[in-house]
Amino acid sequence: MQPTMLFWLLCLAIVISLFSFLAVAIWAKNRRLEREAYYKNENLKKIAEAQGPSANAALEFLREQEKFRAVRHREGLKLGGLVTVAVGLGFFLLLRAVEPNHPIYVVSAVPLLIGLALLVYAYVLAPR
């Protein structure tokens, strides 16, 4: 077998392995999320059927979980915005240093503006 043919077969095997692994990993994650949603729904049914102070405490706990999830989502948006702005600034500096005479550095405006949009949404528009 020729070395180039062997190289491409190896690359093909790696790509097939990668996508097979990703398919199984995504399936497992979706299965776990589905199972968690099912158990949460079952707990909500039991809480709705129960009465008394323990039911109120359980409902309060579920409300706190929902608030915590919203805060985590908002913090994730902030982090994503900051990272994207940093990537845009890095591209700007790199492209400006590589080609100072050509305005190719304008390409860095894309990640910079995406990051700014994420930050504006996270700080101003996101539901609290």
Protein backbone atom coordinates (compact mmCIF):
# COMPACT_ATOMS: atom_id res chain seq x y z
CA MET A 1 0.00 0.00 0.00
CA GLN A 2 1.24 3.49 -0.77
CA PRO A 3 2.06 5.80 2.16
CA THR A 4 -0.39 8.46 1.00
CA MET A 5 -3.18 5.89 0.77
CA LEU A 6 -2.36 4.66 4.27
CA PHE A 7 -2.40 8.24 5.55
CA TRP A 8 -5.86 8.91 4.11
CA LEU A 9 -7.22 5.63 5.45
CA LEU A 10 -5.91 6.54 8.89
CA CYS A 11 -7.50 9.98 8.63
CA LEU A 12 -10.79 8.39 7.59
CA ALA A 13 -10.68 5.98 10.53
CA ILE A 14 -10.00 8.86 12.93
CA VAL A 15 -12.89 10.92 11.55
CA ILE A 16 -15.30 7.98 11.73
CA SER A 17 -14.19 7.24 15.29
CA LEU A 18 -14.59 10.88 16.33
CA PHE A 19 -18.09 11.22 14.96
CA SER A 20 -19.14 7.85 16.37
CA PHE A 21 -17.92 8.94 19.80
CA LEU A 22 -19.72 12.27 19.49
CA ALA A 23 -22.96 10.53 18.52
CA VAL A 24 -22.83 8.25 21.55
CA ALA A 25 -21.86 11.10 23.88
CA ILE A 26 -24.71 13.30 22.67
CA TRP A 27 -27.17 10.40 22.93
CA ALA A 28 -26.04 9.70 26.51
CA LYS A 29 -26.37 13.36 27.48
CA ASN A 30 -29.87 13.61 26.00
CA ARG A 31 -30.87 10.41 27.76
CA ARG A 32 -29.64 11.78 31.09
CA LEU A 33 -31.52 15.06 30.57
CA GLU A 34 -34.67 13.16 29.65
CA ARG A 35 -34.37 11.03 32.78
CA GLU A 36 -33.84 14.11 34.96
CA ALA A 37 -36.91 15.78 33.46
CA TYR A 38 -38.97 12.65 34.09
CA TYR A 39 -37.93 12.45 37.74
CA LYS A 40 -38.55 16.16 38.24
CA ASN A 41 -42.02 15.78 36.76
CA GLU A 42 -42.74 12.83 39.06
CA ASN A 43 -41.62 14.86 42.08
CA LEU A 44 -43.83 17.76 41.04
CA LYS A 45 -46.82 15.40 40.82
CA LYS A 46 -46.12 14.11 44.32
CA ILE A 47 -45.71 17.63 45.68
CA ALA A 48 -48.95 18.74 44.03
CA GLU A 49 -50.79 15.84 45.68
CA ALA A 50 -49.25 16.52 49.10
CA GLN A 51 -50.45 19.23 51.43
CA GLY A 52 -48.96 21.07 54.33
CA PRO A 53 -45.73 22.90 55.12
CA SER A 54 -43.48 20.30 53.50
CA ALA A 55 -45.19 20.85 50.14
CA ASN A 56 -44.66 24.60 50.41
CA ALA A 57 -41.00 24.09 51.29
CA ALA A 58 -40.55 21.75 48.34
CA LEU A 59 -42.17 24.26 45.97
CA GLU A 60 -39.92 27.01 47.34
CA PHE A 61 -36.90 24.75 46.73
CA LEU A 62 -37.97 24.22 43.11
CA ARG A 63 -38.37 27.98 42.63
CA GLU A 64 -34.86 28.53 44.00
CA GLN A 65 -33.49 25.92 41.60
CA GLU A 66 -35.12 27.75 38.69
CA LYS A 67 -33.62 31.07 39.81
CA PHE A 68 -30.21 29.43 40.15
CA ARG A 69 -30.47 28.01 36.63
CA ALA A 70 -31.37 31.46 35.25
CA VAL A 71 -28.39 33.04 37.03
CA ARG A 72 -26.06 30.34 35.69
CA HIS A 73 -27.38 30.95 32.16
CA ARG A 74 -26.87 34.70 32.46
CA GLU A 75 -23.35 34.21 33.85
CA GLY A 76 -22.59 31.88 30.95
CA LEU A 77 -23.69 34.57 28.52
CA LYS A 78 -21.42 37.07 30.25
CA LEU A 79 -18.46 34.71 30.10
CA GLY A 80 -19.13 33.86 26.46
CA GLY A 81 -19.34 37.56 25.60
CA LEU A 82 -16.08 38.34 27.35
CA VAL A 83 -14.26 35.48 25.65
CA THR A 84 -15.60 36.46 22.24
CA VAL A 85 -14.61 40.11 22.76
CA ALA A 86 -11.12 38.97 23.78
CA VAL A 87 -10.88 36.82 20.63
CA GLY A 88 -11.95 39.79 18.51
CA LEU A 89 -9.35 42.05 20.13
CA GLY A 90 -6.69 39.37 19.72
CA PHE A 91 -7.53 38.99 16.04
CA PHE A 92 -7.42 42.74 15.64
CA LEU A 93 -3.95 43.01 17.17
CA LEU A 94 -2.63 39.98 15.30
CA LEU A 95 -3.96 40.98 11.90
CA ARG A 96 -2.89 44.59 12.40
CA ALA A 97 0.65 43.43 13.19
CA VAL A 98 0.80 40.97 10.28
CA GLU A 99 -0.57 43.29 7.60
CA PRO A 100 -0.38 46.91 8.78
CA ASN A 101 -0.91 48.38 5.30
CA HIS A 102 -4.05 46.44 4.40
CA PRO A 103 -7.33 46.76 6.29
CA ILE A 104 -7.68 42.99 6.77
CA TYR A 105 -7.93 43.59 10.51
CA VAL A 106 -11.52 44.74 9.96
CA VAL A 107 -12.43 41.03 9.93
CA SER A 108 -11.91 41.06 13.70
CA ALA A 109 -15.02 43.23 14.01
CA VAL A 110 -17.20 40.12 13.57
CA PRO A 111 -16.26 38.32 16.83
CA LEU A 112 -15.90 41.65 18.59
CA LEU A 113 -19.46 42.70 17.74
CA ILE A 114 -20.84 39.24 18.55
CA GLY A 115 -19.20 39.44 21.97
CA LEU A 116 -20.56 42.93 22.54
CA ALA A 117 -24.04 41.74 21.57
CA LEU A 118 -23.80 38.88 24.09
CA LEU A 119 -22.66 41.27 26.81
CA VAL A 120 -25.41 43.79 26.06
CA TYR A 121 -28.00 41.03 26.17
CA ALA A 122 -26.61 39.57 29.40
CA TYR A 123 -26.41 42.90 31.23
CA VAL A 124 -29.37 44.81 29.78
CA LEU A 125 -31.93 42.66 28.02
CA ALA A 126 -31.80 39.26 29.74
CA PRO A 127 -34.74 38.49 32.04
CA ARG A 128 -33.83 38.67 35.70
